[in-house]
Amino acid sequence: MACNLTISKSAASELIRQSAFGGTPGTMHIDLLPDSFDEGWFYIRLRCGHKEGVPIARTDGITLFAPSRQLTLLEGLKLDYFCDLSGGGFLISAPEGAQASGCGTGFKIIK
């Protein structure tokens, strides 16, 4: 693994649940999508399977894959999951030198 993204316990549990429900137990894929307004924001997308990615994190029965071209953007980040009565969702920390999005699912590199 060439990336040290960490996965919280709550995120690992939800990734395992989603991967099993999606038919790829223990295997999920994360990638960063650019915003549609070309303002420099990146938002996480999680899908079942490995989607031709490389493994970047393994913990508690889940292996997370990502595109090799995005490893530098994912380096050192933490993936977390929250859940309350209104629902739940994944959050990602912003890398050093970046601004976090208001919703916690993305970031923008500050130049």
Protein backbone atom coordinates (compact mmCIF):
# COMPACT_ATOMS: atom_id res chain seq x y z
CA MET A 1 0.00 0.00 0.00
CA ALA A 2 1.38 3.36 -1.01
CA CYS A 3 -1.09 5.54 0.94
CA ASN A 4 -1.66 5.83 4.67
CA LEU A 5 -5.36 6.75 4.74
CA THR A 6 -6.87 5.63 8.04
CA ILE A 7 -10.36 4.29 8.62
CA SER A 8 -12.21 4.83 11.89
CA LYS A 9 -13.99 1.90 13.58
CA SER A 10 -17.41 3.36 12.72
CA ALA A 11 -16.39 3.86 9.07
CA ALA A 12 -15.01 0.30 8.87
CA SER A 13 -18.29 -1.11 10.20
CA GLU A 14 -20.35 0.81 7.67
CA LEU A 15 -17.97 -0.06 4.81
CA ILE A 16 -18.28 -3.76 5.71
CA ARG A 17 -22.08 -3.48 5.80
CA GLN A 18 -22.23 -1.70 2.44
CA SER A 19 -19.75 -4.07 0.78
CA ALA A 20 -21.73 -7.12 1.92
CA PHE A 21 -25.00 -5.57 0.77
CA GLY A 22 -23.39 -4.67 -2.58
CA GLY A 23 -22.11 -8.20 -3.18
CA THR A 24 -18.39 -7.54 -2.61
CA PRO A 25 -17.86 -8.44 1.08
CA GLY A 26 -14.78 -6.77 2.52
CA THR A 27 -13.98 -4.73 -0.61
CA MET A 28 -14.80 -1.06 -1.21
CA HIS A 29 -13.47 1.67 -3.51
CA ILE A 30 -12.98 5.36 -2.75
CA ASP A 31 -12.24 8.08 -5.24
CA LEU A 32 -12.36 11.86 -5.35
CA LEU A 33 -14.69 13.62 -7.75
CA PRO A 34 -14.02 17.21 -8.82
CA ASP A 35 -16.86 19.67 -8.33
CA SER A 36 -18.99 20.47 -11.37
CA PHE A 37 -18.28 24.21 -11.13
CA ASP A 38 -14.49 23.85 -11.57
CA GLU A 39 -13.79 25.66 -8.27
CA GLY A 40 -11.15 23.15 -7.14
CA TRP A 41 -13.26 21.12 -4.70
CA PHE A 42 -12.92 17.32 -4.42
CA TYR A 43 -15.66 15.14 -2.92
CA ILE A 44 -15.44 11.50 -1.85
CA ARG A 45 -17.33 8.75 -3.62
CA LEU A 46 -17.52 5.24 -2.14
CA ARG A 47 -18.56 2.21 -4.18
CA CYS A 48 -18.54 -1.55 -3.73
CA GLY A 49 -15.65 -3.54 -5.24
CA HIS A 50 -12.16 -2.46 -6.20
CA LYS A 51 -12.92 -0.72 -9.53
CA GLU A 52 -9.39 -1.27 -10.89
CA GLY A 53 -7.91 0.58 -7.92
CA VAL A 54 -4.95 -0.23 -5.71
CA PRO A 55 -5.35 -1.15 -2.03
CA ILE A 56 -4.75 1.89 0.20
CA ALA A 57 -6.08 0.79 3.61
CA ARG A 58 -6.97 -2.43 5.40
CA THR A 59 -8.68 -2.66 8.78
CA ASP A 60 -11.28 -4.70 10.62
CA GLY A 61 -12.18 -6.91 7.64
CA ILE A 62 -12.35 -4.23 4.96
CA THR A 63 -9.90 -3.36 2.19
CA LEU A 64 -10.30 0.07 0.64
CA PHE A 65 -9.09 0.62 -2.93
CA ALA A 66 -8.46 3.90 -4.77
CA PRO A 67 -7.20 5.03 -8.18
CA SER A 68 -3.40 5.15 -8.17
CA ARG A 69 -3.46 8.64 -9.72
CA GLN A 70 -5.23 9.97 -6.57
CA LEU A 71 -2.88 8.52 -3.94
CA THR A 72 -1.18 11.85 -3.23
CA LEU A 73 -4.55 13.53 -2.59
CA LEU A 74 -5.64 10.73 -0.22
CA GLU A 75 -2.31 10.55 1.63
CA GLY A 76 -2.68 10.86 5.41
CA LEU A 77 -6.44 11.44 5.41
CA LYS A 78 -8.93 9.85 7.81
CA LEU A 79 -12.27 8.40 6.75
CA ASP A 80 -14.97 8.50 9.42
CA TYR A 81 -18.69 7.72 9.61
CA PHE A 82 -21.43 9.36 11.64
CA CYS A 83 -24.99 8.22 12.28
CA ASP A 84 -27.86 9.85 14.13
CA LEU A 85 -31.65 9.90 14.01
CA SER A 86 -31.68 11.93 10.80
CA GLY A 87 -29.38 9.53 8.93
CA GLY A 88 -25.68 8.99 8.47
CA GLY A 89 -22.77 9.62 6.18
CA PHE A 90 -19.06 9.37 5.60
CA LEU A 91 -16.72 12.24 6.43
CA ILE A 92 -13.13 12.75 5.34
CA SER A 93 -10.49 14.92 6.96
CA ALA A 94 -8.98 17.69 4.87
CA PRO A 95 -5.29 17.29 4.01
CA GLU A 96 -2.72 19.79 5.24
CA GLY A 97 -2.98 22.99 3.22
CA ALA A 98 -6.62 22.40 2.31
CA GLN A 99 -9.99 23.84 3.27
CA ALA A 100 -12.65 21.36 4.43
CA SER A 101 -16.09 21.53 2.84
CA GLY A 102 -19.01 22.52 5.05
CA CYS A 103 -20.55 19.06 4.76
CA GLY A 104 -17.32 17.20 5.62
CA THR A 105 -17.29 15.08 2.48
CA GLY A 106 -14.69 17.05 0.57
CA PHE A 107 -11.91 19.58 0.50
CA LYS A 108 -10.24 22.23 -1.64
CA ILE A 109 -6.48 22.63 -1.92
CA ILE A 110 -5.46 26.17 -0.99
CA LYS A 111 -2.69 27.52 -3.23
